[in-house]
Amino acid sequence: MSLQDDLHAVRRSLDELTRKVERLEQQAGRRPAAGPRTGSAPPDPARMVTVPDTPYDSSLWTDSDDEGLGARDRRAP
């Protein structure tokens, strides 16, 4: 089988999987029957969290280890 044949087979399988998932979602009543999806729904403003641009208080990190490096006062085995 050539690479092109493999790509076509993968695309057919993906299309079939998409159709089956949409059919299951319709049967479960999660969304009404519709055409192909063109994008995602806009975010719900009630669920959005504002993150301030101000720096965090450095005292929050005084006893923390460096990510992936371990504790400062110990050596790696």
PDB file of N, CA and C in Angstrom:
ATOM      1  N   MET A   1       0.839  -1.175   0.000  1.00  0.00           N
ATOM      2  CA  MET A   1       0.000   0.000   0.000  1.00  0.00           C
ATOM      3  C   MET A   1       0.886   1.242   0.000  1.00  0.00           C
ATOM      4  N   SER A   2       0.547   2.211  -0.825  1.00  0.00           N
ATOM      5  CA  SER A   2       1.346   3.428  -0.900  1.00  0.00           C
ATOM      6  C   SER A   2       0.929   4.401   0.203  1.00  0.00           C
ATOM      7  N   LEU A   3       1.733   5.412   0.390  1.00  0.00           N
ATOM      8  CA  LEU A   3       1.436   6.437   1.384  1.00  0.00           C
ATOM      9  C   LEU A   3       0.124   7.132   1.053  1.00  0.00           C
ATOM     10  N   GLN A   4      -0.115   7.373  -0.226  1.00  0.00           N
ATOM     11  CA  GLN A   4      -1.356   8.024  -0.655  1.00  0.00           C
ATOM     12  C   GLN A   4      -2.563   7.162  -0.315  1.00  0.00           C
ATOM     13  N   ASP A   5      -2.452   5.850  -0.529  1.00  0.00           N
ATOM     14  CA  ASP A   5      -3.541   4.935  -0.178  1.00  0.00           C
ATOM     15  C   ASP A   5      -3.786   4.938   1.323  1.00  0.00           C
ATOM     16  N   ASP A   6      -2.706   4.963   2.095  1.00  0.00           N
ATOM     17  CA  ASP A   6      -2.837   5.009   3.550  1.00  0.00           C
ATOM     18  C   ASP A   6      -3.550   6.284   3.992  1.00  0.00           C
ATOM     19  N   LEU A   7      -3.186   7.409   3.394  1.00  0.00           N
ATOM     20  CA  LEU A   7      -3.822   8.676   3.743  1.00  0.00           C
ATOM     21  C   LEU A   7      -5.306   8.676   3.412  1.00  0.00           C
ATOM     22  N   HIS A   8      -5.660   8.115   2.271  1.00  0.00           N
ATOM     23  CA  HIS A   8      -7.077   8.023   1.902  1.00  0.00           C
ATOM     24  C   HIS A   8      -7.836   7.119   2.877  1.00  0.00           C
ATOM     25  N   ALA A   9      -7.234   6.024   3.266  1.00  0.00           N
ATOM     26  CA  ALA A   9      -7.886   5.111   4.210  1.00  0.00           C
ATOM     27  C   ALA A   9      -8.080   5.778   5.567  1.00  0.00           C
ATOM     28  N   VAL A  10      -7.077   6.518   6.006  1.00  0.00           N
ATOM     29  CA  VAL A  10      -7.194   7.224   7.282  1.00  0.00           C
ATOM     30  C   VAL A  10      -8.289   8.274   7.192  1.00  0.00           C
ATOM     31  N   ARG A  11      -8.347   9.004   6.092  1.00  0.00           N
ATOM     32  CA  ARG A  11      -9.375  10.048   5.923  1.00  0.00           C
ATOM     33  C   ARG A  11     -10.768   9.438   5.925  1.00  0.00           C
ATOM     34  N   ARG A  12     -10.953   8.309   5.226  1.00  0.00           N
ATOM     35  CA  ARG A  12     -12.261   7.637   5.220  1.00  0.00           C
ATOM     36  C   ARG A  12     -12.640   7.188   6.621  1.00  0.00           C
ATOM     37  N   SER A  13     -11.682   6.630   7.351  1.00  0.00           N
ATOM     38  CA  SER A  13     -11.956   6.179   8.716  1.00  0.00           C
ATOM     39  C   SER A  13     -12.315   7.353   9.618  1.00  0.00           C
ATOM     40  N   LEU A  14     -11.607   8.459   9.468  1.00  0.00           N
ATOM     41  CA  LEU A  14     -11.892   9.644  10.267  1.00  0.00           C
ATOM     42  C   LEU A  14     -13.269  10.210   9.950  1.00  0.00           C
ATOM     43  N   ASP A  15     -13.623  10.262   8.676  1.00  0.00           N
ATOM     44  CA  ASP A  15     -14.954  10.737   8.290  1.00  0.00           C
ATOM     45  C   ASP A  15     -16.046   9.842   8.857  1.00  0.00           C
ATOM     46  N   GLU A  16     -15.827   8.534   8.794  1.00  0.00           N
ATOM     47  CA  GLU A  16     -16.802   7.590   9.334  1.00  0.00           C
ATOM     48  C   GLU A  16     -16.930   7.747  10.847  1.00  0.00           C
ATOM     49  N   LEU A  17     -15.815   7.909  11.530  1.00  0.00           N
ATOM     50  CA  LEU A  17     -15.841   8.113  12.973  1.00  0.00           C
ATOM     51  C   LEU A  17     -16.583   9.397  13.322  1.00  0.00           C
ATOM     52  N   THR A  18     -16.352  10.461  12.576  1.00  0.00           N
ATOM     53  CA  THR A  18     -17.039  11.730  12.817  1.00  0.00           C
ATOM     54  C   THR A  18     -18.543  11.561  12.652  1.00  0.00           C
ATOM     55  N   ARG A  19     -18.962  10.878  11.605  1.00  0.00           N
ATOM     56  CA  ARG A  19     -20.401  10.647  11.388  1.00  0.00           C
ATOM     57  C   ARG A  19     -21.011   9.837  12.525  1.00  0.00           C
ATOM     58  N   LYS A  20     -20.298   8.807  12.986  1.00  0.00           N
ATOM     59  CA  LYS A  20     -20.831   7.976  14.063  1.00  0.00           C
ATOM     60  C   LYS A  20     -20.924   8.737  15.380  1.00  0.00           C
ATOM     61  N   VAL A  21     -19.931   9.570  15.668  1.00  0.00           N
ATOM     62  CA  VAL A  21     -19.973  10.366  16.893  1.00  0.00           C
ATOM     63  C   VAL A  21     -21.133  11.351  16.832  1.00  0.00           C
ATOM     64  N   GLU A  22     -21.325  12.018  15.684  1.00  0.00           N
ATOM     65  CA  GLU A  22     -22.444  12.941  15.543  1.00  0.00           C
ATOM     66  C   GLU A  22     -23.772  12.224  15.720  1.00  0.00           C
ATOM     67  N   ARG A  23     -23.887  11.017  15.173  1.00  0.00           N
ATOM     68  CA  ARG A  23     -25.120  10.249  15.316  1.00  0.00           C
ATOM     69  C   ARG A  23     -25.355   9.883  16.783  1.00  0.00           C
ATOM     70  N   LEU A  24     -24.309   9.478  17.496  1.00  0.00           N
ATOM     71  CA  LEU A  24     -24.448   9.164  18.918  1.00  0.00           C
ATOM     72  C   LEU A  24     -24.846  10.390  19.727  1.00  0.00           C
ATOM     73  N   GLU A  25     -24.252  11.557  19.408  1.00  0.00           N
ATOM     74  CA  GLU A  25     -24.617  12.779  20.119  1.00  0.00           C
ATOM     75  C   GLU A  25     -26.079  13.133  19.882  1.00  0.00           C
ATOM     76  N   GLN A  26     -26.563  12.933  18.659  1.00  0.00           N
ATOM     77  CA  GLN A  26     -27.957  13.212  18.351  1.00  0.00           C
ATOM     78  C   GLN A  26     -28.869  12.263  19.112  1.00  0.00           C
ATOM     79  N   GLN A  27     -28.502  10.987  19.164  1.00  0.00           N
ATOM     80  CA  GLN A  27     -29.310  10.005  19.880  1.00  0.00           C
ATOM     81  C   GLN A  27     -29.334  10.286  21.377  1.00  0.00           C
ATOM     82  N   ALA A  28     -28.240  10.804  21.899  1.00  0.00           N
ATOM     83  CA  ALA A  28     -28.181  11.117  23.323  1.00  0.00           C
ATOM     84  C   ALA A  28     -28.880  12.438  23.627  1.00  0.00           C
ATOM     85  N   GLY A  29     -29.255  13.179  22.610  1.00  0.00           N
ATOM     86  CA  GLY A  29     -29.964  14.433  22.816  1.00  0.00           C
ATOM     87  C   GLY A  29     -29.066  15.579  23.229  1.00  0.00           C
ATOM     88  N   ARG A  30     -27.793  15.443  22.995  1.00  0.00           N
ATOM     89  CA  ARG A  30     -26.873  16.496  23.413  1.00  0.00           C
ATOM     90  C   ARG A  30     -26.857  17.663  22.452  1.00  0.00           C
ATOM     91  N   ARG A  31     -27.156  17.400  21.201  1.00  0.00           N
ATOM     92  CA  ARG A  31     -27.233  18.514  20.263  1.00  0.00           C
ATOM     93  C   ARG A  31     -28.168  18.128  19.133  1.00  0.00           C
ATOM     94  N   PRO A  32     -28.826  19.096  18.572  1.00  0.00           N
ATOM     95  CA  PRO A  32     -29.771  18.795  17.495  1.00  0.00           C
ATOM     96  C   PRO A  32     -29.041  18.415  16.207  1.00  0.00           C
ATOM     97  N   ALA A  33     -29.776  17.760  15.337  1.00  0.00           N
ATOM     98  CA  ALA A  33     -29.209  17.404  14.050  1.00  0.00           C
ATOM     99  C   ALA A  33     -28.876  18.681  13.298  1.00  0.00           C
ATOM    100  N   ALA A  34     -27.681  18.726  12.742  1.00  0.00           N
ATOM    101  CA  ALA A  34     -27.235  19.909  12.022  1.00  0.00           C
ATOM    102  C   ALA A  34     -26.251  19.498  10.956  1.00  0.00           C
ATOM    103  N   GLY A  35     -25.864  20.452  10.147  1.00  0.00           N
ATOM    104  CA  GLY A  35     -24.875  20.206   9.106  1.00  0.00           C
ATOM    105  C   GLY A  35     -23.500  20.088   9.726  1.00  0.00           C
ATOM    106  N   PRO A  36     -22.499  20.066   8.887  1.00  0.00           N
ATOM    107  CA  PRO A  36     -21.130  19.951   9.396  1.00  0.00           C
ATOM    108  C   PRO A  36     -20.767  21.139  10.279  1.00  0.00           C
ATOM    109  N   ARG A  37     -19.928  20.879  11.237  1.00  0.00           N
ATOM    110  CA  ARG A  37     -19.494  21.941  12.139  1.00  0.00           C
ATOM    111  C   ARG A  37     -18.553  22.882  11.402  1.00  0.00           C
ATOM    112  N   THR A  38     -18.735  24.185  11.650  1.00  0.00           N
ATOM    113  CA  THR A  38     -17.870  25.160  10.999  1.00  0.00           C
ATOM    114  C   THR A  38     -16.940  25.823  11.993  1.00  0.00           C
ATOM    115  N   GLY A  39     -17.137  25.631  13.270  1.00  0.00           N
ATOM    116  CA  GLY A  39     -16.292  26.258  14.275  1.00  0.00           C
ATOM    117  C   GLY A  39     -16.832  25.938  15.657  1.00  0.00           C
ATOM    118  N   SER A  40     -16.190  26.479  16.644  1.00  0.00           N
ATOM    119  CA  SER A  40     -16.635  26.211  18.000  1.00  0.00           C
ATOM    120  C   SER A  40     -17.534  27.341  18.473  1.00  0.00           C
ATOM    121  N   ALA A  41     -18.317  27.052  19.486  1.00  0.00           N
ATOM    122  CA  ALA A  41     -19.212  28.044  20.061  1.00  0.00           C
ATOM    123  C   ALA A  41     -18.396  29.077  20.828  1.00  0.00           C
ATOM    124  N   PRO A  42     -18.892  30.310  20.922  1.00  0.00           N
ATOM    125  CA  PRO A  42     -18.161  31.327  21.676  1.00  0.00           C
ATOM    126  C   PRO A  42     -18.121  30.961  23.157  1.00  0.00           C
ATOM    127  N   PRO A  43     -17.088  31.402  23.861  1.00  0.00           N
ATOM    128  CA  PRO A  43     -16.985  31.059  25.283  1.00  0.00           C
ATOM    129  C   PRO A  43     -18.099  31.715  26.093  1.00  0.00           C
ATOM    130  N   ASP A  44     -18.487  31.057  27.163  1.00  0.00           N
ATOM    131  CA  ASP A  44     -19.518  31.575  28.061  1.00  0.00           C
ATOM    132  C   ASP A  44     -18.867  32.573  29.013  1.00  0.00           C
ATOM    133  N   PRO A  45     -19.245  33.855  28.954  1.00  0.00           N
ATOM    134  CA  PRO A  45     -18.613  34.863  29.811  1.00  0.00           C
ATOM    135  C   PRO A  45     -18.783  34.579  31.303  1.00  0.00           C
ATOM    136  N   ALA A  46     -19.828  33.870  31.675  1.00  0.00           N
ATOM    137  CA  ALA A  46     -20.048  33.569  33.090  1.00  0.00           C
ATOM    138  C   ALA A  46     -19.002  32.604  33.626  1.00  0.00           C
ATOM    139  N   ARG A  47     -18.366  31.820  32.752  1.00  0.00           N
ATOM    140  CA  ARG A  47     -17.373  30.837  33.192  1.00  0.00           C
ATOM    141  C   ARG A  47     -15.942  31.335  33.035  1.00  0.00           C
ATOM    142  N   MET A  48     -15.767  32.537  32.501  1.00  0.00           N
ATOM    143  CA  MET A  48     -14.422  33.069  32.272  1.00  0.00           C
ATOM    144  C   MET A  48     -13.861  33.661  33.569  1.00  0.00           C
ATOM    145  N   VAL A  49     -12.579  33.500  33.775  1.00  0.00           N
ATOM    146  CA  VAL A  49     -11.893  34.010  34.962  1.00  0.00           C
ATOM    147  C   VAL A  49     -10.853  35.026  34.498  1.00  0.00           C
ATOM    148  N   THR A  50     -10.866  36.188  35.116  1.00  0.00           N
ATOM    149  CA  THR A  50      -9.892  37.212  34.777  1.00  0.00           C
ATOM    150  C   THR A  50      -8.611  36.961  35.550  1.00  0.00           C
ATOM    151  N   VAL A  51      -7.486  36.955  34.836  1.00  0.00           N
ATOM    152  CA  VAL A  51      -6.180  36.758  35.457  1.00  0.00           C
ATOM    153  C   VAL A  51      -5.465  38.102  35.425  1.00  0.00           C
ATOM    154  N   PRO A  52      -5.094  38.635  36.590  1.00  0.00           N
ATOM    155  CA  PRO A  52      -4.468  39.951  36.609  1.00  0.00           C
ATOM    156  C   PRO A  52      -3.065  39.921  36.003  1.00  0.00           C
ATOM    157  N   ASP A  53      -2.644  41.064  35.483  1.00  0.00           N
ATOM    158  CA  ASP A  53      -1.310  41.189  34.896  1.00  0.00           C
ATOM    159  C   ASP A  53      -0.244  41.508  35.935  1.00  0.00           C
ATOM    160  N   THR A  54      -0.653  41.803  37.155  1.00  0.00           N
ATOM    161  CA  THR A  54       0.310  42.153  38.193  1.00  0.00           C
ATOM    162  C   THR A  54       1.100  40.914  38.602  1.00  0.00           C
ATOM    163  N   PRO A  55       2.372  41.087  38.973  1.00  0.00           N
ATOM    164  CA  PRO A  55       3.187  39.932  39.371  1.00  0.00           C
ATOM    165  C   PRO A  55       2.678  39.328  40.688  1.00  0.00           C
ATOM    166  N   TYR A  56       2.902  38.035  40.832  1.00  0.00           N
ATOM    167  CA  TYR A  56       2.543  37.354  42.072  1.00  0.00           C
ATOM    168  C   TYR A  56       3.494  37.775  43.191  1.00  0.00           C
ATOM    169  N   ASP A  57       3.037  37.642  44.397  1.00  0.00           N
ATOM    170  CA  ASP A  57       3.872  37.912  45.565  1.00  0.00           C
ATOM    171  C   ASP A  57       4.965  36.841  45.616  1.00  0.00           C
ATOM    172  N   SER A  58       6.235  37.240  45.631  1.00  0.00           N
ATOM    173  CA  SER A  58       7.339  36.279  45.595  1.00  0.00           C
ATOM    174  C   SER A  58       7.388  35.401  46.843  1.00  0.00           C
ATOM    175  N   SER A  59       6.756  35.808  47.937  1.00  0.00           N
ATOM    176  CA  SER A  59       6.749  34.973  49.142  1.00  0.00           C
ATOM    177  C   SER A  59       5.942  33.688  48.935  1.00  0.00           C
ATOM    178  N   LEU A  60       5.121  33.641  47.898  1.00  0.00           N
ATOM    179  CA  LEU A  60       4.367  32.416  47.598  1.00  0.00           C
ATOM    180  C   LEU A  60       5.302  31.278  47.195  1.00  0.00           C
ATOM    181  N   TRP A  61       6.487  31.604  46.713  1.00  0.00           N
ATOM    182  CA  TRP A  61       7.387  30.602  46.153  1.00  0.00           C
ATOM    183  C   TRP A  61       8.601  30.328  47.037  1.00  0.00           C
ATOM    184  N   THR A  62       8.649  30.826  48.256  1.00  0.00           N
ATOM    185  CA  THR A  62       9.851  30.692  49.074  1.00  0.00           C
ATOM    186  C   THR A  62      10.212  29.244  49.394  1.00  0.00           C
ATOM    187  N   ASP A  63       9.279  28.372  49.654  1.00  0.00           N
ATOM    188  CA  ASP A  63       9.581  26.988  50.020  1.00  0.00           C
ATOM    189  C   ASP A  63       9.371  25.999  48.873  1.00  0.00           C
ATOM    190  N   SER A  64       9.245  26.495  47.673  1.00  0.00           N
ATOM    191  CA  SER A  64       8.964  25.602  46.546  1.00  0.00           C
ATOM    192  C   SER A  64      10.256  25.057  45.943  1.00  0.00           C
ATOM    193  N   ASP A  65      10.147  23.906  45.321  1.00  0.00           N
ATOM    194  CA  ASP A  65      11.268  23.314  44.596  1.00  0.00           C
ATOM    195  C   ASP A  65      11.246  23.829  43.165  1.00  0.00           C
ATOM    196  N   ASP A  66      12.400  23.860  42.531  1.00  0.00           N
ATOM    197  CA  ASP A  66      12.446  24.226  41.120  1.00  0.00           C
ATOM    198  C   ASP A  66      11.851  23.071  40.326  1.00  0.00           C
ATOM    199  N   GLU A  67      10.924  23.386  39.452  1.00  0.00           N
ATOM    200  CA  GLU A  67      10.222  22.368  38.675  1.00  0.00           C
ATOM    201  C   GLU A  67      11.210  21.516  37.895  1.00  0.00           C
ATOM    202  N   GLY A  68      11.209  20.236  38.161  1.00  0.00           N
ATOM    203  CA  GLY A  68      12.060  19.304  37.440  1.00  0.00           C
ATOM    204  C   GLY A  68      13.491  19.247  37.932  1.00  0.00           C
ATOM    205  N   LEU A  69      13.878  20.141  38.840  1.00  0.00           N
ATOM    206  CA  LEU A  69      15.253  20.159  39.311  1.00  0.00           C
ATOM    207  C   LEU A  69      15.385  19.637  40.735  1.00  0.00           C
ATOM    208  N   GLY A  70      14.292  19.536  41.441  1.00  0.00           N
ATOM    209  CA  GLY A  70      14.330  19.061  42.819  1.00  0.00           C
ATOM    210  C   GLY A  70      14.622  20.189  43.795  1.00  0.00           C
ATOM    211  N   ALA A  71      14.879  19.830  45.022  1.00  0.00           N
ATOM    212  CA  ALA A  71      15.125  20.819  46.066  1.00  0.00           C
ATOM    213  C   ALA A  71      16.499  21.458  45.879  1.00  0.00           C
ATOM    214  N   ARG A  72      16.631  22.704  46.284  1.00  0.00           N
ATOM    215  CA  ARG A  72      17.888  23.444  46.106  1.00  0.00           C
ATOM    216  C   ARG A  72      19.002  22.910  46.976  1.00  0.00           C
ATOM    217  N   ASP A  73      18.680  22.395  48.153  1.00  0.00           N
ATOM    218  CA  ASP A  73      19.729  21.992  49.091  1.00  0.00           C
ATOM    219  C   ASP A  73      20.103  20.512  48.988  1.00  0.00           C
ATOM    220  N   ARG A  74      19.587  19.806  47.978  1.00  0.00           N
ATOM    221  CA  ARG A  74      19.889  18.376  47.813  1.00  0.00           C
ATOM    222  C   ARG A  74      20.501  18.132  46.446  1.00  0.00           C
ATOM    223  N   ARG A  75      21.287  17.070  46.345  1.00  0.00           N
ATOM    224  CA  ARG A  75      21.881  16.692  45.066  1.00  0.00           C
ATOM    225  C   ARG A  75      21.112  15.531  44.467  1.00  0.00           C
ATOM    226  N   ALA A  76      21.175  15.447  43.178  1.00  0.00           N
ATOM    227  CA  ALA A  76      20.519  14.340  42.475  1.00  0.00           C
ATOM    228  C   ALA A  76      21.330  13.070  42.712  1.00  0.00           C
ATOM    229  N   PRO A  77      20.665  11.925  42.781  1.00  0.00           N
ATOM    230  CA  PRO A  77      21.393  10.657  42.999  1.00  0.00           C
ATOM    231  C   PRO A  77      22.263  10.287  41.827  1.00  0.00           C
TER     232      PRO A  77
END
